[in-house]
Amino acid sequence: MLLARPFLYKTLVSAAPDMAQPKKVFILDFGLCLTAGVLISGYNKIVFGIPWLSLASLIIGCIIAGFFIGLDSSLAQEREIIIQAKTKSANSSLPKRLFPITRKFTFVAVTTSFLVSVVLILVFNRDIVWLVRTPQNEQSIYAAQISVIYEVFFIMAILLVLIVNLIFSYSRNLRLLFDNETKVLEQVRNGDLSSKVPVATLDEFGIIAEHTNHMIDGLRHRFKLINSLKMAEEVQQNLLPDRSPYLEKFDISGTSIYCDETGGDYYDYFLLPEDKLGVVVADACGHGIGAAMLMTSVRAFLTSAIDKYQSPAQLLKDINNHITRDCSKSGRFTTMFFLEVNSRTKSLKWVRAGHDPALVYHAQSQDFSHLDGTGLVLGVDDSYDFVDSTASACHTGDIILIGTDGINETRNKDQETFGHKRLEKIILNHAQDSAQIIQKTIVEEVDNFRGELAQEDDITLVVIKAV
């Protein structure tokens, strides 16, 4: 049997999948022991004529030996697989049928208890028969008692050694599994996602390893997405003006604050002929990556069309043709406010394409008005004709604020909106300050009003002050 084991091992065990090998080894060694017991019993029966009833103890002994030898070999094979799995790819997945640890323990405990009971029954039965045949004198009975005690002690000691050996062997496997899991988790905690937990068993440890690997894959994807968002944020920030433009008789300051890494708000300045300046504030529907991609396209169309600038209405009609072509099927749109400021006459000309009207503070009367006007959002109807709106010359100290709805619609913990009144109060209190101070104060007041709540929408504003 020992000579046949290497061949059978190579044929039955080595050819099987890794996680099925421990079970194959158990079946192999248990089968070899049982076969050996049957063959030896058959030989004794044929050659010596020993009754089968007497040979039953031999077969039972081979079954018990095969059970413990098979378990020990199975654990050793599993331990080898766990060690080898460290150097292999951890992409293996669990099969649908598993063998939980609780089932393993139950199987081993019940089977061991049954086999120990069988052994004790056989021993007591043989000893009772022997005691009956022993001469009934004090010395003989005492010798028989000592002999039975030694026999039972010897058998129990052997069984105890076998059981302790199994416990020790299985504890080594558990330690290897714990080490594999904790080592990878420590690497994950330190930001290293290069390793995965090898899936080496068909039990709860295999499930934990597979779930850990799924978590690592998710973290890898998330970090990759975050890096992409950071890059997109950097690119989009570079598309915004890095400084305020110089325009004689005017002080200008603007900013954009996104609620995500990227956003759909946009503002820019364009130097126009005849000492004019174009100021644009736009807001793509939604926020995040989708809105940022749309706004990047809007900026590209705007930058291309500005070379043929004639008026705000003509400019918005040109870019609306391109935006509608790209967005008509998706239903996405963009609002825009384009303001032309004439530094010579201090006059204003604008188009409001679905955007909030600009707020105007009149320094002389200390009241407010709006740069209203009709206009459809961009990206809906490419045949729409925009119309210019105009206003007379600004006076010294007048302030124009062009912003997105993220300012007025900011909510606090009581679900109150920031609104226009608070915005007007800030301008009144800081009417003597520069455009940059007014712009920063508005952003700070909006942030304070929101409190600990997360920013829900992008915030963009441009402050223009006549000086």
Protein backbone atom coordinates (compact mmCIF):
# COMPACT_ATOMS: atom_id res chain seq x y z
CA MET A 1 0.00 0.00 0.00
CA LEU A 2 2.83 2.40 0.83
CA LEU A 3 4.47 1.58 -2.50
CA ALA A 4 1.25 2.35 -4.38
CA ARG A 5 0.62 5.67 -2.57
CA PRO A 6 3.04 7.89 -4.64
CA PHE A 7 1.43 6.72 -7.88
CA LEU A 8 -2.10 7.15 -6.55
CA TYR A 9 -1.17 10.56 -5.07
CA LYS A 10 0.12 11.78 -8.42
CA THR A 11 -2.91 10.43 -10.25
CA LEU A 12 -5.72 11.38 -7.85
CA VAL A 13 -4.40 14.36 -5.84
CA SER A 14 -1.84 16.30 -7.88
CA ALA A 15 -4.13 16.40 -10.90
CA ALA A 16 -7.01 17.88 -8.88
CA PRO A 17 -7.56 21.64 -8.33
CA ASP A 18 -5.63 23.07 -5.39
CA MET A 19 -8.56 23.57 -3.03
CA ALA A 20 -9.91 20.07 -3.75
CA GLN A 21 -6.62 18.33 -2.93
CA PRO A 22 -7.04 18.14 0.90
CA LYS A 23 -10.26 16.19 0.44
CA LYS A 24 -8.61 13.91 -2.13
CA VAL A 25 -5.70 13.20 0.22
CA PHE A 26 -8.08 12.25 3.04
CA ILE A 27 -9.97 9.85 0.78
CA LEU A 28 -6.70 8.37 -0.50
CA ASP A 29 -5.11 7.67 2.89
CA PHE A 30 -8.37 6.51 4.47
CA GLY A 31 -8.97 4.20 1.55
CA LEU A 32 -5.45 2.77 1.72
CA CYS A 33 -5.78 1.99 5.44
CA LEU A 34 -9.19 0.40 4.97
CA THR A 35 -7.96 -1.64 2.02
CA ALA A 36 -4.95 -2.80 4.00
CA GLY A 37 -7.21 -3.91 6.86
CA VAL A 38 -9.50 -5.82 4.51
CA LEU A 39 -6.58 -7.53 2.73
CA ILE A 40 -4.85 -8.54 6.00
CA SER A 41 -8.14 -9.86 7.40
CA GLY A 42 -8.77 -11.83 4.23
CA TYR A 43 -5.29 -13.31 4.36
CA ASN A 44 -5.73 -14.36 8.00
CA LYS A 45 -9.10 -15.85 7.20
CA ILE A 46 -7.84 -17.88 4.26
CA VAL A 47 -4.49 -18.99 5.65
CA PHE A 48 -5.20 -19.35 9.35
CA GLY A 49 -8.96 -19.70 9.32
CA ILE A 50 -9.54 -16.95 11.89
CA PRO A 51 -13.27 -16.15 12.26
CA TRP A 52 -14.51 -12.94 10.72
CA LEU A 53 -15.89 -11.81 14.07
CA SER A 54 -12.38 -11.89 15.50
CA LEU A 55 -11.04 -10.04 12.46
CA ALA A 56 -13.59 -7.25 12.90
CA SER A 57 -11.37 -5.58 15.51
CA LEU A 58 -8.54 -5.41 12.97
CA ILE A 59 -10.76 -3.80 10.33
CA ILE A 60 -12.15 -1.33 12.87
CA GLY A 61 -8.60 -0.48 13.97
CA CYS A 62 -7.62 0.19 10.34
CA ILE A 63 -10.69 2.42 9.94
CA ILE A 64 -9.72 4.44 13.02
CA ALA A 65 -6.10 4.68 11.90
CA GLY A 66 -7.19 5.68 8.40
CA PHE A 67 -9.46 8.39 9.77
CA PHE A 68 -6.74 10.07 11.84
CA ILE A 69 -4.00 9.56 9.24
CA GLY A 70 -6.27 10.91 6.52
CA LEU A 71 -7.16 13.99 8.57
CA ASP A 72 -3.52 14.69 9.35
CA SER A 73 -2.51 14.28 5.69
CA SER A 74 -5.41 16.47 4.61
CA LEU A 75 -4.36 19.26 6.98
CA ALA A 76 -0.74 18.95 5.84
CA GLN A 77 -1.85 19.21 2.20
CA GLU A 78 -4.00 22.24 3.04
CA ARG A 79 -1.05 23.83 4.83
CA GLU A 80 1.15 23.32 1.77
CA ILE A 81 -1.51 24.94 -0.45
CA ILE A 82 -1.79 27.93 1.90
CA ILE A 83 1.98 28.44 1.82
CA GLN A 84 2.17 28.07 -1.95
CA ALA A 85 -0.78 30.43 -2.42
CA LYS A 86 1.31 33.34 -1.11
CA THR A 87 3.47 33.20 -4.22
CA LYS A 88 0.61 32.66 -6.65
CA SER A 89 -1.92 35.07 -8.07
CA ALA A 90 -4.77 35.78 -5.65
CA ASN A 91 -7.36 36.05 -8.40
CA SER A 92 -8.85 32.59 -7.83
CA SER A 93 -12.49 32.65 -6.87
CA LEU A 94 -14.49 30.34 -4.64
CA PRO A 95 -16.70 27.63 -6.13
CA LYS A 96 -20.39 27.59 -5.41
CA ARG A 97 -20.17 24.67 -2.95
CA LEU A 98 -18.30 25.40 0.28
CA PHE A 99 -17.40 23.37 3.35
CA PRO A 100 -17.77 25.69 6.36
CA ILE A 101 -15.53 25.41 9.41
CA THR A 102 -18.49 24.58 11.66
CA ARG A 103 -19.31 21.60 9.46
CA LYS A 104 -15.68 20.45 9.60
CA PHE A 105 -15.63 20.64 13.39
CA THR A 106 -18.96 18.84 13.66
CA PHE A 107 -17.82 16.06 11.33
CA VAL A 108 -14.53 15.54 13.16
CA ALA A 109 -16.09 15.73 16.64
CA VAL A 110 -18.97 13.35 15.88
CA THR A 111 -16.79 10.85 14.02
CA THR A 112 -14.08 10.92 16.72
CA SER A 113 -16.64 10.41 19.47
CA PHE A 114 -18.18 7.50 17.59
CA LEU A 115 -14.83 5.82 16.96
CA VAL A 116 -13.71 6.26 20.58
CA SER A 117 -17.02 4.73 21.72
CA VAL A 118 -16.52 1.77 19.37
CA VAL A 119 -13.00 1.21 20.68
CA LEU A 120 -14.13 1.32 24.31
CA ILE A 121 -17.01 -1.07 23.61
CA LEU A 122 -14.67 -3.55 21.95
CA VAL A 123 -12.14 -3.27 24.79
CA PHE A 124 -14.73 -3.68 27.55
CA ASN A 125 -16.41 -6.54 25.75
CA ARG A 126 -13.09 -8.41 25.36
CA ASP A 127 -12.05 -7.61 28.92
CA ILE A 128 -15.36 -8.80 30.36
CA VAL A 129 -15.00 -12.10 28.54
CA TRP A 130 -11.42 -12.39 29.76
CA LEU A 131 -12.36 -11.52 33.35
CA VAL A 132 -15.07 -14.18 33.37
CA ARG A 133 -12.48 -16.80 32.40
CA THR A 134 -9.95 -15.55 34.97
CA PRO A 135 -9.62 -17.71 38.17
CA GLN A 136 -11.69 -16.20 40.95
CA ASN A 137 -9.02 -15.51 43.53
CA GLU A 138 -7.90 -12.23 44.96
CA GLN A 139 -4.51 -12.17 43.32
CA SER A 140 -5.83 -13.04 39.87
CA ILE A 141 -8.64 -10.46 40.08
CA TYR A 142 -6.19 -7.76 41.16
CA ALA A 143 -3.83 -8.61 38.28
CA ALA A 144 -6.76 -8.53 35.86
CA GLN A 145 -7.85 -5.10 37.11
CA ILE A 146 -4.35 -3.70 36.68
CA SER A 147 -4.16 -5.17 33.18
CA VAL A 148 -7.51 -3.63 32.16
CA ILE A 149 -6.54 -0.24 33.57
CA TYR A 150 -3.23 -0.27 31.68
CA GLU A 151 -4.96 -1.33 28.50
CA VAL A 152 -7.63 1.37 28.69
CA PHE A 153 -5.04 3.98 29.68
CA PHE A 154 -2.81 2.97 26.77
CA ILE A 155 -5.66 3.15 24.25
CA MET A 156 -6.91 6.51 25.59
CA ALA A 157 -3.37 7.91 25.55
CA ILE A 158 -2.94 6.95 21.90
CA LEU A 159 -6.30 8.50 20.98
CA LEU A 160 -5.45 11.62 22.98
CA VAL A 161 -2.12 11.97 21.16
CA LEU A 162 -3.87 11.62 17.80
CA ILE A 163 -6.48 14.23 18.72
CA VAL A 164 -3.91 16.69 20.10
CA ASN A 165 -1.85 16.22 16.93
CA LEU A 166 -4.92 17.13 14.82
CA ILE A 167 -5.61 20.20 16.95
CA PHE A 168 -1.99 21.35 16.68
CA SER A 169 -1.95 20.72 12.93
CA TYR A 170 -5.18 22.62 12.36
CA SER A 171 -4.01 25.51 14.57
CA ARG A 172 -0.95 25.89 12.31
CA ASN A 173 -3.25 26.17 9.31
CA LEU A 174 -5.38 28.77 11.08
CA ARG A 175 -2.30 30.79 11.96
CA LEU A 176 -1.18 30.81 8.33
CA LEU A 177 -4.62 31.94 7.20
CA PHE A 178 -4.73 34.70 9.81
CA ASP A 179 -1.23 35.84 8.86
CA ASN A 180 -2.17 36.02 5.17
CA GLU A 181 -5.24 38.11 5.94
CA THR A 182 -3.72 40.46 8.52
CA LYS A 183 -0.58 41.10 6.46
CA VAL A 184 -2.60 42.28 3.47
CA LEU A 185 -4.96 44.33 5.65
CA GLU A 186 -1.99 46.06 7.27
CA GLN A 187 -0.70 46.93 3.80
CA VAL A 188 -4.13 48.29 2.86
CA ARG A 189 -4.19 50.39 6.04
CA ASN A 190 -0.83 51.87 5.00
CA GLY A 191 -2.14 52.67 1.53
CA ASP A 192 -0.50 49.76 -0.30
CA LEU A 193 -3.05 48.06 -2.55
CA SER A 194 -0.56 45.98 -4.53
CA SER A 195 -1.28 42.68 -2.75
CA LYS A 196 -4.32 40.46 -2.36
CA VAL A 197 -5.25 37.71 0.06
CA PRO A 198 -4.73 34.25 -1.48
CA VAL A 199 -7.94 32.21 -1.59
CA ALA A 200 -6.66 28.84 -0.37
CA THR A 201 -9.56 27.15 1.47
CA LEU A 202 -13.20 26.29 0.84
CA ASP A 203 -14.48 27.72 4.12
CA GLU A 204 -15.15 31.05 5.82
CA PHE A 205 -11.49 32.06 5.43
CA GLY A 206 -11.83 31.66 1.70
CA ILE A 207 -14.98 33.81 1.72
CA ILE A 208 -13.25 36.49 3.83
CA ALA A 209 -10.24 36.42 1.49
CA GLU A 210 -12.44 36.81 -1.58
CA HIS A 211 -14.42 39.69 -0.03
CA THR A 212 -11.16 41.36 1.02
CA ASN A 213 -9.90 41.11 -2.54
CA HIS A 214 -13.13 42.63 -3.84
CA MET A 215 -12.66 45.45 -1.33
CA ILE A 216 -9.10 46.00 -2.57
CA ASP A 217 -10.31 46.09 -6.17
CA GLY A 218 -12.94 48.64 -5.16
CA LEU A 219 -10.35 50.77 -3.38
CA ARG A 220 -8.05 50.58 -6.39
CA HIS A 221 -10.88 51.76 -8.62
CA ARG A 222 -11.82 54.48 -6.16
CA PHE A 223 -8.24 55.76 -5.89
CA LYS A 224 -7.94 55.70 -9.65
CA LEU A 225 -11.18 57.65 -9.91
CA ILE A 226 -10.01 60.14 -7.26
CA ASN A 227 -6.74 60.66 -9.12
CA SER A 228 -8.69 61.21 -12.33
CA LEU A 229 -10.98 63.66 -10.55
CA LYS A 230 -7.98 65.51 -9.14
CA MET A 231 -6.52 65.77 -12.60
CA ALA A 232 -9.88 66.90 -14.00
CA GLU A 233 -10.13 69.45 -11.19
CA GLU A 234 -6.67 70.78 -12.01
CA VAL A 235 -7.48 70.97 -15.71
CA GLN A 236 -10.79 72.73 -15.10
CA GLN A 237 -9.26 75.21 -12.66
CA ASN A 238 -6.67 76.05 -15.31
CA LEU A 239 -9.53 76.94 -17.66
CA LEU A 240 -10.71 79.66 -15.27
CA PRO A 241 -9.05 83.10 -15.23
CA ASP A 242 -5.94 83.20 -13.04
CA ARG A 243 -6.21 86.96 -12.51
CA SER A 244 -8.71 89.78 -12.84
CA PRO A 245 -8.54 91.74 -16.11
CA TYR A 246 -7.53 95.38 -16.31
CA LEU A 247 -10.27 97.65 -17.62
CA GLU A 248 -10.00 101.39 -17.26
CA LYS A 249 -12.61 102.89 -14.87
CA PHE A 250 -13.65 99.45 -13.57
CA ASP A 251 -12.57 97.13 -10.76
CA ILE A 252 -13.36 93.46 -11.40
CA SER A 253 -13.06 90.27 -9.32
CA GLY A 254 -14.49 86.77 -9.83
CA THR A 255 -14.33 83.24 -8.42
CA SER A 256 -15.79 79.73 -8.76
CA ILE A 257 -16.16 77.26 -5.89
CA TYR A 258 -17.26 73.74 -6.81
CA CYS A 259 -19.19 71.44 -4.51
CA ASP A 260 -17.39 68.44 -6.05
CA GLU A 261 -13.89 68.11 -7.47
CA THR A 262 -15.28 69.38 -10.76
CA GLY A 263 -18.34 71.46 -11.53
CA GLY A 264 -20.59 72.96 -14.16
CA ASP A 265 -20.05 76.65 -13.35
CA TYR A 266 -17.82 78.84 -15.48
CA TYR A 267 -16.78 82.44 -15.73
CA ASP A 268 -14.32 84.24 -17.98
CA TYR A 269 -13.23 87.58 -19.41
CA PHE A 270 -12.64 88.50 -23.05
CA LEU A 271 -10.92 91.65 -24.31
CA LEU A 272 -13.06 93.05 -27.12
CA PRO A 273 -12.37 95.76 -29.69
CA GLU A 274 -12.89 99.46 -28.87
CA ASP A 275 -11.86 99.18 -25.21
CA LYS A 276 -14.65 96.79 -24.36
CA LEU A 277 -14.62 93.79 -22.07
CA GLY A 278 -16.79 90.68 -22.31
CA VAL A 279 -17.74 89.06 -19.02
CA VAL A 280 -19.42 85.64 -19.12
CA VAL A 281 -20.93 83.59 -16.29
CA ALA A 282 -22.47 80.22 -17.17
CA ASP A 283 -23.99 77.29 -15.35
CA ALA A 284 -24.40 73.81 -16.89
CA CYS A 285 -27.25 71.76 -15.47
CA GLY A 286 -26.14 69.51 -12.63
CA HIS A 287 -22.64 69.34 -11.21
CA GLY A 288 -19.74 66.93 -11.15
CA ILE A 289 -18.04 65.22 -14.09
CA GLY A 290 -20.99 65.41 -16.51
CA ALA A 291 -21.53 69.12 -15.96
CA ALA A 292 -17.77 69.76 -16.16
CA MET A 293 -17.52 68.01 -19.52
CA LEU A 294 -20.46 70.02 -20.85
CA MET A 295 -18.98 73.26 -19.55
CA THR A 296 -15.62 72.46 -21.16
CA SER A 297 -17.39 72.12 -24.50
CA VAL A 298 -19.26 75.39 -23.92
CA ARG A 299 -15.98 77.16 -23.17
CA ALA A 300 -14.40 75.75 -26.32
CA PHE A 301 -17.32 76.97 -28.47
CA LEU A 302 -17.24 80.37 -26.76
CA THR A 303 -13.49 80.82 -27.20
CA SER A 304 -13.77 79.87 -30.86
CA ALA A 305 -16.73 82.17 -31.59
CA ILE A 306 -15.31 85.20 -29.76
CA ASP A 307 -12.93 85.86 -32.67
CA LYS A 308 -15.95 86.83 -34.79
CA TYR A 309 -17.57 88.89 -32.05
CA GLN A 310 -20.10 91.49 -33.10
CA SER A 311 -22.57 91.59 -30.19
CA PRO A 312 -23.66 89.45 -27.24
CA ALA A 313 -26.75 88.26 -29.12
CA GLN A 314 -24.77 87.20 -32.18
CA LEU A 315 -22.17 85.45 -30.01
CA LEU A 316 -24.71 83.41 -28.06
CA LYS A 317 -26.54 82.42 -31.23
CA ASP A 318 -23.31 81.06 -32.70
CA ILE A 319 -22.40 78.95 -29.70
CA ASN A 320 -26.02 77.87 -29.20
CA ASN A 321 -25.94 76.18 -32.62
CA HIS A 322 -23.01 74.01 -31.55
CA ILE A 323 -24.32 73.25 -28.04
CA THR A 324 -27.77 72.28 -29.33
CA ARG A 325 -26.21 69.92 -31.85
CA ASP A 326 -24.34 68.12 -29.03
CA CYS A 327 -26.98 68.26 -26.27
CA SER A 328 -30.40 68.12 -27.95
CA LYS A 329 -30.67 64.32 -27.52
CA SER A 330 -29.39 64.21 -23.95
CA GLY A 331 -31.64 67.03 -22.72
CA ARG A 332 -28.75 68.81 -20.99
CA PHE A 333 -28.63 72.59 -21.20
CA THR A 334 -26.59 75.56 -20.05
CA THR A 335 -27.58 78.98 -18.76
CA MET A 336 -25.36 81.94 -19.58
CA PHE A 337 -25.11 85.63 -18.88
CA PHE A 338 -22.84 87.58 -21.24
CA LEU A 339 -22.12 91.21 -20.41
CA GLU A 340 -20.29 93.70 -22.62
CA VAL A 341 -18.73 96.60 -20.66
CA ASN A 342 -17.65 99.70 -22.57
CA SER A 343 -14.84 101.42 -20.66
CA ARG A 344 -15.13 104.59 -22.76
CA THR A 345 -18.82 105.27 -22.20
CA LYS A 346 -19.34 103.00 -19.16
CA SER A 347 -22.39 101.62 -20.96
CA LEU A 348 -23.57 98.01 -20.74
CA LYS A 349 -24.91 95.52 -23.27
CA TRP A 350 -25.92 92.00 -22.34
CA VAL A 351 -27.84 88.82 -23.15
CA ARG A 352 -29.44 86.61 -20.51
CA ALA A 353 -29.80 83.02 -21.82
CA GLY A 354 -31.96 81.56 -19.06
CA HIS A 355 -29.52 82.78 -16.41
CA ASP A 356 -30.35 84.69 -13.23
CA PRO A 357 -30.35 88.45 -13.97
CA ALA A 358 -27.33 90.41 -12.79
CA LEU A 359 -27.80 92.49 -9.63
CA VAL A 360 -26.95 96.20 -9.91
CA TYR A 361 -26.29 98.52 -6.97
CA HIS A 362 -26.73 102.23 -7.73
CA ALA A 363 -24.39 104.23 -5.52
CA GLN A 364 -26.18 107.55 -5.92
CA SER A 365 -29.64 106.32 -4.89
CA GLN A 366 -28.38 103.34 -2.83
CA ASP A 367 -31.00 101.06 -4.31
CA PHE A 368 -30.89 97.95 -6.48
CA SER A 369 -32.08 96.89 -9.90
CA HIS A 370 -31.53 93.95 -12.22
CA LEU A 371 -30.18 93.46 -15.71
CA ASP A 372 -33.21 91.59 -16.97
CA GLY A 373 -33.99 90.40 -20.45
CA THR A 374 -35.51 87.45 -22.22
CA GLY A 375 -33.50 84.53 -23.53
CA LEU A 376 -33.72 80.76 -23.87
CA VAL A 377 -31.20 78.44 -22.26
CA LEU A 378 -28.44 77.15 -24.54
CA GLY A 379 -28.76 73.67 -26.00
CA VAL A 380 -32.51 73.50 -26.61
CA ASP A 381 -33.38 75.33 -29.89
CA ASP A 382 -30.68 76.14 -32.44
CA SER A 383 -33.02 78.47 -34.34
CA TYR A 384 -33.62 80.77 -31.39
CA ASP A 385 -32.66 84.44 -31.94
CA PHE A 386 -31.22 86.22 -28.94
CA VAL A 387 -31.80 89.95 -28.43
CA ASP A 388 -29.34 92.44 -26.90
CA SER A 389 -30.35 94.47 -23.88
CA THR A 390 -28.63 97.77 -23.07
CA ALA A 391 -28.22 100.15 -20.15
CA SER A 392 -26.92 103.71 -19.92
CA ALA A 393 -23.58 104.66 -18.40
CA CYS A 394 -22.65 103.41 -14.93
CA HIS A 395 -21.82 105.97 -12.26
CA THR A 396 -18.88 105.90 -9.93
CA GLY A 397 -19.50 103.45 -7.10
CA ASP A 398 -22.09 101.39 -8.98
CA ILE A 399 -21.67 97.65 -8.49
CA ILE A 400 -22.73 94.83 -10.82
CA LEU A 401 -22.85 91.28 -9.51
CA ILE A 402 -23.27 88.33 -11.89
CA GLY A 403 -23.65 85.01 -10.08
CA THR A 404 -25.07 81.52 -10.31
CA ASP A 405 -28.04 80.15 -8.39
CA GLY A 406 -25.71 78.35 -5.98
CA ILE A 407 -25.49 81.62 -3.99
CA ASN A 408 -29.16 82.46 -3.49
CA GLU A 409 -30.24 78.82 -3.13
CA THR A 410 -27.72 77.91 -0.40
CA ARG A 411 -29.60 76.48 2.60
CA ASN A 412 -28.81 76.40 6.30
CA LYS A 413 -29.77 73.77 8.89
CA ASP A 414 -33.24 75.37 9.22
CA GLN A 415 -33.78 74.96 5.46
CA GLU A 416 -33.74 78.71 4.90
CA THR A 417 -32.26 79.98 1.63
CA PHE A 418 -29.59 82.67 1.52
CA GLY A 419 -31.76 84.75 -0.84
CA HIS A 420 -31.36 88.15 -2.47
CA LYS A 421 -31.92 90.26 0.63
CA ARG A 422 -28.81 89.00 2.41
CA LEU A 423 -26.83 89.54 -0.78
CA GLU A 424 -28.05 93.13 -1.07
CA LYS A 425 -27.22 93.78 2.59
CA ILE A 426 -23.63 92.63 2.07
CA ILE A 427 -23.22 94.96 -0.91
CA LEU A 428 -24.69 97.89 1.05
CA ASN A 429 -22.32 97.29 3.96
CA HIS A 430 -19.27 96.98 1.71
CA ALA A 431 -20.14 99.42 -1.06
CA GLN A 432 -16.98 101.42 -0.36
CA ASP A 433 -14.69 98.37 -0.58
CA SER A 434 -12.97 96.94 -3.64
CA ALA A 435 -14.54 94.35 -5.91
CA GLN A 436 -12.25 91.67 -4.51
CA ILE A 437 -13.24 92.37 -0.91
CA ILE A 438 -16.93 92.34 -1.85
CA GLN A 439 -16.49 89.03 -3.69
CA LYS A 440 -14.62 87.40 -0.79
CA THR A 441 -17.10 88.71 1.76
CA ILE A 442 -20.03 87.22 -0.14
CA VAL A 443 -18.31 83.83 -0.31
CA GLU A 444 -17.53 83.92 3.43
CA GLU A 445 -21.08 84.95 4.38
CA VAL A 446 -22.56 82.18 2.24
CA ASP A 447 -20.20 79.68 3.86
CA ASN A 448 -21.08 80.89 7.36
CA PHE A 449 -24.80 80.79 6.55
CA ARG A 450 -24.54 77.17 5.39
CA GLY A 451 -22.71 76.18 8.58
CA GLU A 452 -21.70 72.53 8.85
CA LEU A 453 -23.91 71.42 5.97
CA ALA A 454 -22.22 70.23 2.79
CA GLN A 455 -22.19 72.53 -0.22
CA GLU A 456 -24.90 71.27 -2.57
CA ASP A 457 -24.25 73.40 -5.67
CA ASP A 458 -21.42 75.22 -7.36
CA ILE A 459 -20.97 78.90 -6.51
CA THR A 460 -19.70 81.40 -9.08
CA LEU A 461 -19.81 85.19 -9.00
CA VAL A 462 -18.19 88.14 -10.73
CA VAL A 463 -18.21 91.57 -9.10
CA ILE A 464 -17.78 94.64 -11.34
CA LYS A 465 -17.42 98.05 -9.71
CA ALA A 466 -17.29 101.39 -11.50
CA VAL A 467 -14.42 103.50 -10.08
